[in-house]
Amino acid sequence: MPKLKKTEVIMLIEKLENLYPDAECALEHRNVFELLIATVLSAQTTDKSVNLVTPGLFEKANDAKAISELPQDELEDILRKIGMYRSKAKNIKALSKMLVETHRGEVPGDYDELIKLPGVGRKTANVVLSVGFGEQRIAVDTHVFRLANRIGLCEEKDVLRTELALMEGIPKEHWTRMHHALIFHGRQVCMARNPKCEFCGIAELCKMNGLSQEKRQL
C-alpha cells in the first residue's frame, strides 16, 4: 500500500488535530503515580474498564508504599473486573515495591528507569513520559498501530517499527497530540471492523480508502 507524501502527512495532522482538539489520555488519574498504575492496568483492557476499578483501588491505596503493602488477594479482588487481573495485581504490587526501594516512592521521569519496573513496557513508558512529564512521545497501542498502517503513515508489521516510522514521519512537536488524535479517531470512526468511512473526516487522505474506491470502480 502506498504511503502518504510529506505534504499529505502535514494535511493529515492538521485535519486530525482540528477534528479532535480536546483529545487526551482517557485514563482517569490525579498524579503521575496513578497514571502509571492505570496505564499498566490498561494492557489488553479498555480504558473504560480500568476507570471502573481504579477509584476503588486509589481510595484504599494511592501511593507506592500503600499498594506495595496490600495483600495480593485483596489487590486481585479490587481488580477482578478487568482482564488478566491476577498478573496485573502482581505487577503493580511489585513495581510499587521497586519504586519505594529505588526511587523513594516517586515515578522516575526517565525511560530506561521506567521500563525496569514490572509490567512496564515501551508503550506504558511513553504514555507516562508524555502525559505525566510533558515529553513529546508517540505511544503505539492497538488503535495507533492499526490507523498508522491503514491510513498510510507507515507500512510496518510490528509496534516498534511503527513507532520509529511515526517518529520519523511526523514532526516532533505533533507527536503527543497525534497519538491522542489517532486513538480518538480509532475509537469513534476507524474501528478495526466496519470502519465508518462515510463519516470519516480524513477519508480523502486515507490510502486504504483510496484502494477500496479503486476496487469498486473496477
N, C-alpha and C. Protein backbone atom coordinates (compact mmCIF):
# COMPACT_ATOMS: atom_id res chain seq x y z
N MET A 1 0.84 -1.19 0.00
CA MET A 1 0.00 0.00 0.00
C MET A 1 0.88 1.25 0.00
N PRO A 2 0.61 2.24 -0.84
CA PRO A 2 1.43 3.45 -0.89
C PRO A 2 1.35 4.26 0.40
N LYS A 3 2.46 4.93 0.73
CA LYS A 3 2.50 5.77 1.92
C LYS A 3 2.12 7.20 1.58
N LEU A 4 1.69 7.93 2.58
CA LEU A 4 1.37 9.34 2.40
C LEU A 4 2.64 10.14 2.10
N LYS A 5 2.51 11.13 1.24
CA LYS A 5 3.61 12.04 0.97
C LYS A 5 3.74 13.01 2.14
N LYS A 6 4.89 13.69 2.21
CA LYS A 6 5.13 14.63 3.32
C LYS A 6 4.05 15.71 3.39
N THR A 7 3.64 16.21 2.23
CA THR A 7 2.60 17.24 2.22
C THR A 7 1.28 16.68 2.70
N GLU A 8 1.01 15.42 2.39
CA GLU A 8 -0.23 14.77 2.84
C GLU A 8 -0.20 14.52 4.34
N VAL A 9 0.97 14.20 4.88
CA VAL A 9 1.11 13.99 6.32
C VAL A 9 0.78 15.28 7.07
N ILE A 10 1.28 16.40 6.58
CA ILE A 10 1.00 17.69 7.20
C ILE A 10 -0.50 17.99 7.16
N MET A 11 -1.13 17.69 6.04
CA MET A 11 -2.58 17.89 5.91
C MET A 11 -3.32 16.99 6.88
N LEU A 12 -2.86 15.74 7.01
CA LEU A 12 -3.49 14.78 7.93
C LEU A 12 -3.39 15.26 9.37
N ILE A 13 -2.21 15.73 9.75
CA ILE A 13 -2.01 16.24 11.11
C ILE A 13 -2.98 17.38 11.40
N GLU A 14 -3.08 18.30 10.47
CA GLU A 14 -3.96 19.46 10.65
C GLU A 14 -5.41 19.03 10.78
N LYS A 15 -5.83 18.11 9.94
CA LYS A 15 -7.22 17.65 9.97
C LYS A 15 -7.53 16.92 11.28
N LEU A 16 -6.66 16.00 11.69
CA LEU A 16 -6.92 15.23 12.91
C LEU A 16 -6.90 16.12 14.14
N GLU A 17 -5.98 17.07 14.19
CA GLU A 17 -5.92 17.95 15.35
C GLU A 17 -7.12 18.89 15.40
N ASN A 18 -7.66 19.22 14.24
CA ASN A 18 -8.88 20.03 14.21
C ASN A 18 -10.12 19.21 14.56
N LEU A 19 -10.11 17.95 14.14
CA LEU A 19 -11.24 17.07 14.44
C LEU A 19 -11.31 16.74 15.93
N TYR A 20 -10.14 16.60 16.57
CA TYR A 20 -10.09 16.18 17.97
C TYR A 20 -9.22 17.14 18.79
N PRO A 21 -9.65 18.38 18.90
CA PRO A 21 -8.84 19.38 19.62
C PRO A 21 -8.71 19.08 21.11
N ASP A 22 -9.65 18.32 21.65
CA ASP A 22 -9.62 18.02 23.09
C ASP A 22 -9.16 16.60 23.38
N ALA A 23 -8.58 15.93 22.38
CA ALA A 23 -8.12 14.55 22.58
C ALA A 23 -7.02 14.51 23.64
N GLU A 24 -7.20 13.64 24.61
CA GLU A 24 -6.22 13.49 25.69
C GLU A 24 -6.33 12.09 26.27
N CYS A 25 -5.48 11.80 27.23
CA CYS A 25 -5.49 10.49 27.87
C CYS A 25 -6.83 10.24 28.55
N ALA A 26 -7.44 9.09 28.24
CA ALA A 26 -8.77 8.78 28.77
C ALA A 26 -8.70 8.08 30.13
N LEU A 27 -7.51 7.73 30.57
CA LEU A 27 -7.37 7.08 31.87
C LEU A 27 -7.46 8.12 32.98
N GLU A 28 -8.37 7.92 33.91
CA GLU A 28 -8.55 8.87 34.99
C GLU A 28 -7.41 8.75 36.00
N HIS A 29 -6.81 9.88 36.34
CA HIS A 29 -5.70 9.89 37.28
C HIS A 29 -5.54 11.29 37.86
N ARG A 30 -4.93 11.38 39.03
CA ARG A 30 -4.73 12.67 39.69
C ARG A 30 -3.26 13.05 39.79
N ASN A 31 -2.39 12.09 39.51
CA ASN A 31 -0.95 12.34 39.58
C ASN A 31 -0.22 11.30 38.73
N VAL A 32 1.09 11.43 38.64
CA VAL A 32 1.88 10.56 37.77
C VAL A 32 1.84 9.11 38.25
N PHE A 33 1.83 8.90 39.56
CA PHE A 33 1.78 7.52 40.06
C PHE A 33 0.47 6.85 39.65
N GLU A 34 -0.64 7.52 39.82
CA GLU A 34 -1.92 6.94 39.43
C GLU A 34 -1.97 6.71 37.91
N LEU A 35 -1.37 7.60 37.15
CA LEU A 35 -1.29 7.41 35.70
C LEU A 35 -0.51 6.15 35.37
N LEU A 36 0.63 5.95 36.01
CA LEU A 36 1.45 4.76 35.78
C LEU A 36 0.66 3.49 36.08
N ILE A 37 0.02 3.44 37.24
CA ILE A 37 -0.75 2.26 37.63
C ILE A 37 -1.89 2.01 36.64
N ALA A 38 -2.62 3.05 36.28
CA ALA A 38 -3.74 2.91 35.36
C ALA A 38 -3.28 2.43 33.99
N THR A 39 -2.13 2.91 33.53
CA THR A 39 -1.63 2.52 32.22
C THR A 39 -1.19 1.06 32.22
N VAL A 40 -0.55 0.62 33.29
CA VAL A 40 -0.20 -0.79 33.41
C VAL A 40 -1.46 -1.67 33.39
N LEU A 41 -2.49 -1.22 34.10
CA LEU A 41 -3.74 -1.99 34.15
C LEU A 41 -4.47 -2.00 32.82
N SER A 42 -4.18 -1.03 31.95
CA SER A 42 -4.93 -0.92 30.69
C SER A 42 -4.48 -1.88 29.60
N ALA A 43 -3.41 -2.62 29.84
CA ALA A 43 -2.92 -3.57 28.83
C ALA A 43 -4.00 -4.59 28.48
N GLN A 44 -4.33 -4.69 27.20
CA GLN A 44 -5.34 -5.62 26.69
C GLN A 44 -6.69 -5.46 27.40
N THR A 45 -6.96 -4.25 27.85
CA THR A 45 -8.22 -3.93 28.52
C THR A 45 -8.59 -2.50 28.13
N THR A 46 -9.87 -2.20 28.04
CA THR A 46 -10.28 -0.85 27.65
C THR A 46 -10.04 0.14 28.79
N ASP A 47 -9.78 1.39 28.41
CA ASP A 47 -9.62 2.44 29.42
C ASP A 47 -10.88 2.57 30.27
N LYS A 48 -12.03 2.38 29.64
CA LYS A 48 -13.30 2.46 30.36
C LYS A 48 -13.36 1.44 31.49
N SER A 49 -12.90 0.22 31.22
CA SER A 49 -12.90 -0.83 32.25
C SER A 49 -11.94 -0.48 33.38
N VAL A 50 -10.78 0.07 33.01
CA VAL A 50 -9.80 0.46 34.03
C VAL A 50 -10.36 1.56 34.93
N ASN A 51 -11.06 2.51 34.31
CA ASN A 51 -11.63 3.62 35.09
C ASN A 51 -12.72 3.17 36.07
N LEU A 52 -13.22 1.97 35.89
CA LEU A 52 -14.22 1.45 36.81
C LEU A 52 -13.60 0.88 38.08
N VAL A 53 -12.33 0.43 37.97
CA VAL A 53 -11.71 -0.21 39.13
C VAL A 53 -10.72 0.69 39.86
N THR A 54 -10.12 1.67 39.16
CA THR A 54 -9.10 2.48 39.83
C THR A 54 -9.62 3.37 40.96
N PRO A 55 -10.86 3.89 40.90
CA PRO A 55 -11.32 4.68 42.05
C PRO A 55 -11.29 3.87 43.35
N GLY A 56 -11.74 2.63 43.30
CA GLY A 56 -11.72 1.78 44.48
C GLY A 56 -10.31 1.46 44.94
N LEU A 57 -9.41 1.25 43.95
CA LEU A 57 -8.02 0.97 44.29
C LEU A 57 -7.36 2.17 44.96
N PHE A 58 -7.51 3.36 44.35
CA PHE A 58 -6.82 4.53 44.87
C PHE A 58 -7.46 5.07 46.15
N GLU A 59 -8.70 4.71 46.40
CA GLU A 59 -9.32 5.08 47.67
C GLU A 59 -8.67 4.29 48.80
N LYS A 60 -8.30 3.05 48.49
CA LYS A 60 -7.69 2.19 49.51
C LYS A 60 -6.18 2.41 49.61
N ALA A 61 -5.55 2.65 48.45
CA ALA A 61 -4.09 2.81 48.43
C ALA A 61 -3.71 3.68 47.23
N ASN A 62 -3.24 4.90 47.48
CA ASN A 62 -2.98 5.82 46.38
C ASN A 62 -1.53 6.25 46.25
N ASP A 63 -0.61 5.48 46.87
CA ASP A 63 0.80 5.74 46.63
C ASP A 63 1.55 4.41 46.61
N ALA A 64 2.83 4.46 46.26
CA ALA A 64 3.60 3.24 46.06
C ALA A 64 3.70 2.40 47.33
N LYS A 65 3.94 3.04 48.45
CA LYS A 65 4.08 2.31 49.72
C LYS A 65 2.79 1.59 50.07
N ALA A 66 1.68 2.26 49.92
CA ALA A 66 0.39 1.67 50.29
C ALA A 66 0.05 0.47 49.40
N ILE A 67 0.27 0.60 48.09
CA ILE A 67 -0.04 -0.53 47.20
C ILE A 67 0.93 -1.68 47.43
N SER A 68 2.19 -1.38 47.70
CA SER A 68 3.16 -2.45 47.93
C SER A 68 2.82 -3.26 49.17
N GLU A 69 2.09 -2.66 50.09
CA GLU A 69 1.75 -3.34 51.35
C GLU A 69 0.38 -4.03 51.31
N LEU A 70 -0.39 -3.82 50.25
CA LEU A 70 -1.68 -4.50 50.14
C LEU A 70 -1.48 -5.99 49.88
N PRO A 71 -2.23 -6.85 50.54
CA PRO A 71 -2.14 -8.29 50.27
C PRO A 71 -2.53 -8.59 48.83
N GLN A 72 -1.87 -9.58 48.24
CA GLN A 72 -2.12 -9.92 46.84
C GLN A 72 -3.58 -10.26 46.59
N ASP A 73 -4.20 -11.03 47.47
CA ASP A 73 -5.59 -11.42 47.25
C ASP A 73 -6.54 -10.22 47.33
N GLU A 74 -6.20 -9.23 48.14
CA GLU A 74 -7.02 -8.03 48.24
C GLU A 74 -6.91 -7.21 46.95
N LEU A 75 -5.69 -7.11 46.41
CA LEU A 75 -5.49 -6.42 45.14
C LEU A 75 -6.26 -7.11 44.02
N GLU A 76 -6.18 -8.42 43.99
CA GLU A 76 -6.88 -9.18 42.95
C GLU A 76 -8.38 -8.96 43.03
N ASP A 77 -8.90 -8.91 44.23
CA ASP A 77 -10.34 -8.71 44.40
C ASP A 77 -10.77 -7.34 43.87
N ILE A 78 -9.95 -6.32 44.08
CA ILE A 78 -10.26 -4.97 43.59
C ILE A 78 -10.23 -4.93 42.06
N LEU A 79 -9.30 -5.67 41.46
CA LEU A 79 -9.09 -5.61 40.01
C LEU A 79 -9.83 -6.69 39.24
N ARG A 80 -10.65 -7.46 39.92
CA ARG A 80 -11.25 -8.67 39.34
C ARG A 80 -12.04 -8.41 38.06
N LYS A 81 -12.55 -7.20 37.87
CA LYS A 81 -13.41 -6.91 36.72
C LYS A 81 -12.63 -6.65 35.43
N ILE A 82 -11.30 -6.55 35.51
CA ILE A 82 -10.53 -6.32 34.29
C ILE A 82 -9.76 -7.58 33.90
N GLY A 83 -9.38 -7.65 32.63
CA GLY A 83 -8.68 -8.82 32.14
C GLY A 83 -7.29 -8.97 32.76
N MET A 84 -6.87 -10.22 32.92
CA MET A 84 -5.54 -10.55 33.45
C MET A 84 -5.30 -9.93 34.82
N TYR A 85 -6.35 -9.88 35.64
CA TYR A 85 -6.26 -9.15 36.91
C TYR A 85 -5.24 -9.74 37.87
N ARG A 86 -5.01 -11.05 37.81
CA ARG A 86 -4.05 -11.65 38.74
C ARG A 86 -2.63 -11.19 38.43
N SER A 87 -2.23 -11.28 37.15
CA SER A 87 -0.87 -10.87 36.78
C SER A 87 -0.70 -9.36 36.94
N LYS A 88 -1.76 -8.59 36.68
CA LYS A 88 -1.67 -7.14 36.83
C LYS A 88 -1.55 -6.75 38.31
N ALA A 89 -2.26 -7.45 39.17
CA ALA A 89 -2.13 -7.20 40.60
C ALA A 89 -0.70 -7.47 41.06
N LYS A 90 -0.15 -8.56 40.56
CA LYS A 90 1.24 -8.91 40.90
C LYS A 90 2.20 -7.84 40.42
N ASN A 91 1.98 -7.35 39.20
CA ASN A 91 2.88 -6.34 38.63
C ASN A 91 2.81 -5.01 39.37
N ILE A 92 1.61 -4.52 39.65
CA ILE A 92 1.54 -3.20 40.30
C ILE A 92 2.04 -3.26 41.75
N LYS A 93 1.89 -4.41 42.37
CA LYS A 93 2.44 -4.57 43.72
C LYS A 93 3.97 -4.58 43.67
N ALA A 94 4.52 -5.31 42.68
CA ALA A 94 5.98 -5.40 42.55
C ALA A 94 6.59 -4.07 42.11
N LEU A 95 5.95 -3.38 41.18
CA LEU A 95 6.51 -2.10 40.72
C LEU A 95 6.42 -1.04 41.83
N SER A 96 5.37 -1.11 42.63
CA SER A 96 5.24 -0.17 43.75
C SER A 96 6.35 -0.41 44.77
N LYS A 97 6.64 -1.68 45.02
CA LYS A 97 7.73 -2.01 45.94
C LYS A 97 9.07 -1.51 45.40
N MET A 98 9.28 -1.68 44.09
CA MET A 98 10.52 -1.21 43.48
C MET A 98 10.63 0.31 43.55
N LEU A 99 9.51 1.00 43.34
CA LEU A 99 9.53 2.46 43.43
C LEU A 99 9.94 2.91 44.83
N VAL A 100 9.42 2.23 45.85
CA VAL A 100 9.75 2.57 47.23
C VAL A 100 11.23 2.32 47.49
N GLU A 101 11.72 1.18 47.01
CA GLU A 101 13.10 0.78 47.32
C GLU A 101 14.15 1.54 46.52
N THR A 102 13.82 1.94 45.29
CA THR A 102 14.85 2.54 44.43
C THR A 102 14.59 4.00 44.05
N HIS A 103 13.35 4.48 44.24
CA HIS A 103 13.04 5.84 43.82
C HIS A 103 12.29 6.64 44.89
N ARG A 104 12.39 6.18 46.15
CA ARG A 104 11.73 6.86 47.27
C ARG A 104 10.22 7.01 47.03
N GLY A 105 9.66 6.06 46.32
CA GLY A 105 8.22 6.06 46.09
C GLY A 105 7.77 6.92 44.93
N GLU A 106 8.71 7.61 44.27
CA GLU A 106 8.35 8.51 43.17
C GLU A 106 8.53 7.82 41.82
N VAL A 107 7.72 8.23 40.85
CA VAL A 107 7.82 7.69 39.49
C VAL A 107 8.95 8.40 38.77
N PRO A 108 9.93 7.66 38.24
CA PRO A 108 11.04 8.32 37.55
C PRO A 108 10.62 8.87 36.19
N GLY A 109 11.16 10.01 35.84
CA GLY A 109 10.86 10.59 34.53
C GLY A 109 11.91 10.22 33.51
N ASP A 110 12.36 8.99 33.56
CA ASP A 110 13.42 8.50 32.68
C ASP A 110 12.98 7.19 32.04
N TYR A 111 13.08 7.11 30.72
CA TYR A 111 12.59 5.93 30.01
C TYR A 111 13.27 4.65 30.49
N ASP A 112 14.59 4.66 30.58
CA ASP A 112 15.33 3.45 30.95
C ASP A 112 14.96 2.96 32.35
N GLU A 113 14.69 3.89 33.25
CA GLU A 113 14.28 3.50 34.61
C GLU A 113 12.84 2.99 34.62
N LEU A 114 11.99 3.58 33.81
CA LEU A 114 10.59 3.16 33.77
C LEU A 114 10.45 1.71 33.28
N ILE A 115 11.18 1.35 32.23
CA ILE A 115 11.00 0.01 31.68
C ILE A 115 11.63 -1.07 32.55
N LYS A 116 12.34 -0.68 33.59
CA LYS A 116 12.84 -1.66 34.56
C LYS A 116 11.73 -2.11 35.50
N LEU A 117 10.66 -1.33 35.58
CA LEU A 117 9.57 -1.64 36.52
C LEU A 117 8.73 -2.80 35.99
N PRO A 118 8.31 -3.71 36.85
CA PRO A 118 7.47 -4.84 36.43
C PRO A 118 6.19 -4.38 35.75
N GLY A 119 5.89 -4.97 34.58
CA GLY A 119 4.66 -4.64 33.87
C GLY A 119 4.75 -3.40 33.00
N VAL A 120 5.90 -2.74 33.00
CA VAL A 120 6.06 -1.51 32.22
C VAL A 120 6.87 -1.79 30.96
N GLY A 121 6.22 -1.65 29.82
CA GLY A 121 6.89 -1.81 28.54
C GLY A 121 7.04 -0.47 27.85
N ARG A 122 7.38 -0.53 26.58
CA ARG A 122 7.65 0.68 25.81
C ARG A 122 6.43 1.60 25.74
N LYS A 123 5.25 1.02 25.47
CA LYS A 123 4.06 1.85 25.34
C LYS A 123 3.73 2.55 26.65
N THR A 124 3.76 1.81 27.75
CA THR A 124 3.45 2.40 29.05
C THR A 124 4.43 3.51 29.42
N ALA A 125 5.72 3.26 29.18
CA ALA A 125 6.73 4.27 29.48
C ALA A 125 6.49 5.53 28.67
N ASN A 126 6.15 5.36 27.40
CA ASN A 126 5.90 6.52 26.54
C ASN A 126 4.67 7.32 27.00
N VAL A 127 3.63 6.61 27.43
CA VAL A 127 2.43 7.29 27.94
C VAL A 127 2.77 8.10 29.19
N VAL A 128 3.50 7.50 30.10
CA VAL A 128 3.84 8.19 31.35
C VAL A 128 4.71 9.41 31.07
N LEU A 129 5.69 9.27 30.18
CA LEU A 129 6.57 10.39 29.87
C LEU A 129 5.81 11.50 29.14
N SER A 130 4.87 11.11 28.29
CA SER A 130 4.10 12.08 27.52
C SER A 130 3.08 12.79 28.40
N VAL A 131 2.19 12.02 29.01
CA VAL A 131 1.08 12.59 29.78
C VAL A 131 1.55 13.09 31.14
N GLY A 132 2.42 12.33 31.78
CA GLY A 132 2.83 12.68 33.13
C GLY A 132 3.94 13.70 33.22
N PHE A 133 4.86 13.69 32.22
CA PHE A 133 6.02 14.57 32.29
C PHE A 133 6.10 15.58 31.15
N GLY A 134 5.11 15.55 30.25
CA GLY A 134 5.04 16.56 29.21
C GLY A 134 6.02 16.41 28.07
N GLU A 135 6.60 15.22 27.91
CA GLU A 135 7.51 15.00 26.80
C GLU A 135 6.73 14.68 25.52
N GLN A 136 7.31 15.00 24.37
CA GLN A 136 6.72 14.62 23.11
C GLN A 136 7.02 13.15 22.85
N ARG A 137 5.99 12.32 22.84
CA ARG A 137 6.15 10.87 22.66
C ARG A 137 5.00 10.34 21.81
N ILE A 138 5.27 9.24 21.12
CA ILE A 138 4.21 8.52 20.42
C ILE A 138 4.13 7.13 21.02
N ALA A 139 3.08 6.85 21.74
CA ALA A 139 2.85 5.52 22.32
C ALA A 139 1.96 4.74 21.35
N VAL A 140 2.45 3.62 20.87
CA VAL A 140 1.71 2.86 19.87
C VAL A 140 0.89 1.77 20.54
N ASP A 141 -0.41 2.02 20.66
CA ASP A 141 -1.33 0.99 21.14
C ASP A 141 -2.02 0.37 19.94
N THR A 142 -3.04 -0.42 20.17
CA THR A 142 -3.70 -1.13 19.07
C THR A 142 -4.34 -0.17 18.07
N HIS A 143 -4.88 0.96 18.55
CA HIS A 143 -5.51 1.93 17.65
C HIS A 143 -4.46 2.63 16.80
N VAL A 144 -3.40 3.11 17.42
CA VAL A 144 -2.36 3.83 16.69
C VAL A 144 -1.71 2.90 15.66
N PHE A 145 -1.44 1.67 16.05
CA PHE A 145 -0.84 0.71 15.13
C PHE A 145 -1.74 0.47 13.92
N ARG A 146 -3.02 0.25 14.18
CA ARG A 146 -3.97 -0.03 13.09
C ARG A 146 -4.11 1.17 12.16
N LEU A 147 -4.34 2.35 12.72
CA LEU A 147 -4.58 3.52 11.89
C LEU A 147 -3.34 3.95 11.12
N ALA A 148 -2.19 3.93 11.77
CA ALA A 148 -0.96 4.37 11.10
C ALA A 148 -0.71 3.56 9.84
N ASN A 149 -0.93 2.26 9.93
CA ASN A 149 -0.70 1.39 8.78
C ASN A 149 -1.87 1.37 7.81
N ARG A 150 -3.06 1.62 8.29
CA ARG A 150 -4.24 1.64 7.42
C ARG A 150 -4.29 2.92 6.60
N ILE A 151 -4.02 4.05 7.24
CA ILE A 151 -4.11 5.34 6.58
C ILE A 151 -3.00 5.52 5.56
N GLY A 152 -1.80 5.03 5.91
CA GLY A 152 -0.66 5.20 5.03
C GLY A 152 0.47 6.01 5.64
N LEU A 153 0.42 6.22 6.95
CA LEU A 153 1.52 6.91 7.62
C LEU A 153 2.78 6.05 7.61
N CYS A 154 2.58 4.75 7.59
CA CYS A 154 3.71 3.82 7.51
C CYS A 154 3.20 2.49 6.99
N GLU A 155 4.11 1.58 6.79
CA GLU A 155 3.75 0.23 6.35
C GLU A 155 4.66 -0.75 7.08
N GLU A 156 4.30 -1.05 8.32
CA GLU A 156 5.15 -1.86 9.18
C GLU A 156 4.35 -3.03 9.76
N LYS A 157 5.08 -4.05 10.19
CA LYS A 157 4.44 -5.27 10.68
C LYS A 157 4.44 -5.38 12.19
N ASP A 158 5.16 -4.50 12.89
CA ASP A 158 5.19 -4.61 14.34
C ASP A 158 5.13 -3.22 14.98
N VAL A 159 4.90 -3.22 16.28
CA VAL A 159 4.69 -1.98 17.02
C VAL A 159 5.93 -1.10 17.06
N LEU A 160 7.09 -1.69 17.32
CA LEU A 160 8.32 -0.89 17.41
C LEU A 160 8.64 -0.20 16.10
N ARG A 161 8.58 -0.93 15.00
CA ARG A 161 8.87 -0.33 13.69
C ARG A 161 7.84 0.76 13.35
N THR A 162 6.60 0.53 13.78
CA THR A 162 5.57 1.56 13.55
C THR A 162 5.90 2.82 14.33
N GLU A 163 6.28 2.67 15.60
CA GLU A 163 6.65 3.84 16.40
C GLU A 163 7.81 4.60 15.78
N LEU A 164 8.84 3.90 15.36
CA LEU A 164 10.01 4.54 14.77
C LEU A 164 9.65 5.25 13.47
N ALA A 165 8.78 4.62 12.68
CA ALA A 165 8.36 5.23 11.42
C ALA A 165 7.55 6.50 11.67
N LEU A 166 6.69 6.47 12.68
CA LEU A 166 5.89 7.66 13.01
C LEU A 166 6.77 8.78 13.54
N MET A 167 7.77 8.43 14.33
CA MET A 167 8.69 9.45 14.84
C MET A 167 9.47 10.10 13.71
N GLU A 168 9.74 9.33 12.68
CA GLU A 168 10.48 9.87 11.54
C GLU A 168 9.57 10.71 10.63
N GLY A 169 8.33 10.28 10.48
CA GLY A 169 7.43 10.92 9.52
C GLY A 169 6.63 12.09 10.05
N ILE A 170 6.45 12.15 11.37
CA ILE A 170 5.65 13.21 11.99
C ILE A 170 6.56 14.19 12.71
N PRO A 171 6.43 15.48 12.47
CA PRO A 171 7.25 16.46 13.20
C PRO A 171 7.09 16.27 14.71
N LYS A 172 8.20 16.36 15.44
CA LYS A 172 8.21 16.03 16.86
C LYS A 172 7.20 16.83 17.68
N GLU A 173 6.98 18.08 17.31
CA GLU A 173 6.06 18.91 18.10
C GLU A 173 4.61 18.43 18.02
N HIS A 174 4.34 17.47 17.12
CA HIS A 174 2.98 16.93 16.97
C HIS A 174 2.85 15.49 17.51
N TRP A 175 3.92 14.92 18.03
CA TRP A 175 3.87 13.51 18.43
C TRP A 175 2.76 13.22 19.43
N THR A 176 2.72 13.94 20.53
CA THR A 176 1.75 13.65 21.59
C THR A 176 0.32 13.88 21.12
N ARG A 177 0.07 15.00 20.46
CA ARG A 177 -1.30 15.31 20.01
C ARG A 177 -1.77 14.31 18.96
N MET A 178 -0.86 13.88 18.09
CA MET A 178 -1.23 12.90 17.07
C MET A 178 -1.52 11.54 17.71
N HIS A 179 -0.75 11.21 18.71
CA HIS A 179 -1.01 9.96 19.44
C HIS A 179 -2.43 9.92 19.97
N HIS A 180 -2.86 10.99 20.62
CA HIS A 180 -4.21 11.03 21.18
C HIS A 180 -5.27 11.15 20.08
N ALA A 181 -4.99 11.94 19.05
CA ALA A 181 -5.96 12.11 17.97
C ALA A 181 -6.19 10.79 17.22
N LEU A 182 -5.14 10.04 16.98
CA LEU A 182 -5.28 8.75 16.31
C LEU A 182 -6.10 7.78 17.15
N ILE A 183 -5.89 7.80 18.46
CA ILE A 183 -6.67 6.93 19.35
C ILE A 183 -8.15 7.31 19.30
N PHE A 184 -8.44 8.59 19.40
CA PHE A 184 -9.83 9.04 19.35
C PHE A 184 -10.48 8.66 18.02
N HIS A 185 -9.75 8.86 16.92
CA HIS A 185 -10.30 8.53 15.61
C HIS A 185 -10.52 7.02 15.49
N GLY A 186 -9.62 6.23 16.06
CA GLY A 186 -9.77 4.78 16.02
C GLY A 186 -10.95 4.29 16.82
N ARG A 187 -11.24 4.96 17.91
CA ARG A 187 -12.37 4.56 18.75
C ARG A 187 -13.71 5.00 18.17
N GLN A 188 -13.74 6.16 17.55
CA GLN A 188 -15.01 6.75 17.13
C GLN A 188 -15.36 6.49 15.67
N VAL A 189 -14.36 6.34 14.80
CA VAL A 189 -14.64 6.24 13.37
C VAL A 189 -13.96 5.05 12.71
N CYS A 190 -12.65 4.96 12.86
CA CYS A 190 -11.86 3.97 12.12
C CYS A 190 -11.65 2.71 12.95
N MET A 191 -12.75 2.03 13.26
CA MET A 191 -12.67 0.84 14.07
C MET A 191 -12.01 -0.31 13.29
N ALA A 192 -11.59 -1.33 14.03
CA ALA A 192 -10.93 -2.47 13.39
C ALA A 192 -11.87 -3.14 12.40
N ARG A 193 -13.11 -3.32 12.81
CA ARG A 193 -14.11 -3.93 11.92
C ARG A 193 -15.16 -2.87 11.57
N ASN A 194 -15.55 -2.87 10.33
CA ASN A 194 -16.58 -1.94 9.84
C ASN A 194 -16.28 -0.48 10.15
N PRO A 195 -15.15 0.03 9.68
CA PRO A 195 -14.87 1.45 9.89
C PRO A 195 -15.91 2.32 9.19
N LYS A 196 -16.22 3.47 9.78
CA LYS A 196 -17.26 4.36 9.25
C LYS A 196 -16.65 5.32 8.23
N CYS A 197 -16.21 4.78 7.12
CA CYS A 197 -15.52 5.58 6.11
C CYS A 197 -16.38 6.72 5.58
N GLU A 198 -17.70 6.51 5.53
CA GLU A 198 -18.58 7.54 5.00
C GLU A 198 -18.67 8.76 5.92
N PHE A 199 -18.27 8.59 7.19
CA PHE A 199 -18.30 9.71 8.14
C PHE A 199 -16.89 10.21 8.49
N CYS A 200 -15.90 9.72 7.77
CA CYS A 200 -14.50 9.98 8.12
C CYS A 200 -14.05 11.35 7.62
N GLY A 201 -13.47 12.14 8.51
CA GLY A 201 -13.01 13.48 8.16
C GLY A 201 -11.67 13.49 7.45
N ILE A 202 -11.02 12.32 7.34
CA ILE A 202 -9.73 12.25 6.65
C ILE A 202 -9.77 11.25 5.50
N ALA A 203 -10.97 10.89 5.05
CA ALA A 203 -11.14 9.85 4.05
C ALA A 203 -10.37 10.14 2.76
N GLU A 204 -10.31 11.43 2.38
CA GLU A 204 -9.67 11.77 1.12
C GLU A 204 -8.15 11.56 1.16
N LEU A 205 -7.59 11.46 2.37
CA LEU A 205 -6.16 11.23 2.51
C LEU A 205 -5.82 9.77 2.78
N CYS A 206 -6.80 8.99 3.19
CA CYS A 206 -6.56 7.61 3.61
C CYS A 206 -6.24 6.71 2.42
N LYS A 207 -5.09 6.08 2.45
CA LYS A 207 -4.67 5.21 1.34
C LYS A 207 -5.53 3.96 1.25
N MET A 208 -5.96 3.43 2.40
CA MET A 208 -6.83 2.26 2.38
C MET A 208 -8.17 2.60 1.75
N ASN A 209 -8.72 3.76 2.05
CA ASN A 209 -9.97 4.21 1.46
C ASN A 209 -9.81 4.39 -0.05
N GLY A 210 -8.65 4.92 -0.46
CA GLY A 210 -8.39 5.10 -1.88
C GLY A 210 -8.32 3.78 -2.63
N LEU A 211 -7.70 2.77 -2.01
CA LEU A 211 -7.63 1.46 -2.63
C LEU A 211 -9.01 0.84 -2.74
N SER A 212 -9.85 1.03 -1.70
CA SER A 212 -11.20 0.49 -1.72
C SER A 212 -12.02 1.12 -2.84
N GLN A 213 -11.85 2.42 -3.05
CA GLN A 213 -12.57 3.11 -4.12
C GLN A 213 -12.13 2.60 -5.49
N GLU A 214 -10.84 2.35 -5.65
CA GLU A 214 -10.34 1.82 -6.92
C GLU A 214 -10.92 0.46 -7.22
N LYS A 215 -11.03 -0.39 -6.19
CA LYS A 215 -11.60 -1.73 -6.38
C LYS A 215 -13.05 -1.66 -6.78
N ARG A 216 -13.79 -0.70 -6.18
CA ARG A 216 -15.20 -0.57 -6.51
C ARG A 216 -15.42 -0.10 -7.94
N GLN A 217 -14.42 0.62 -8.48
CA GLN A 217 -14.54 1.13 -9.84
C GLN A 217 -14.16 0.12 -10.90
N LEU A 218 -13.45 -0.95 -10.48
CA LEU A 218 -13.03 -1.99 -11.44
C LEU A 218 -14.21 -2.84 -11.90
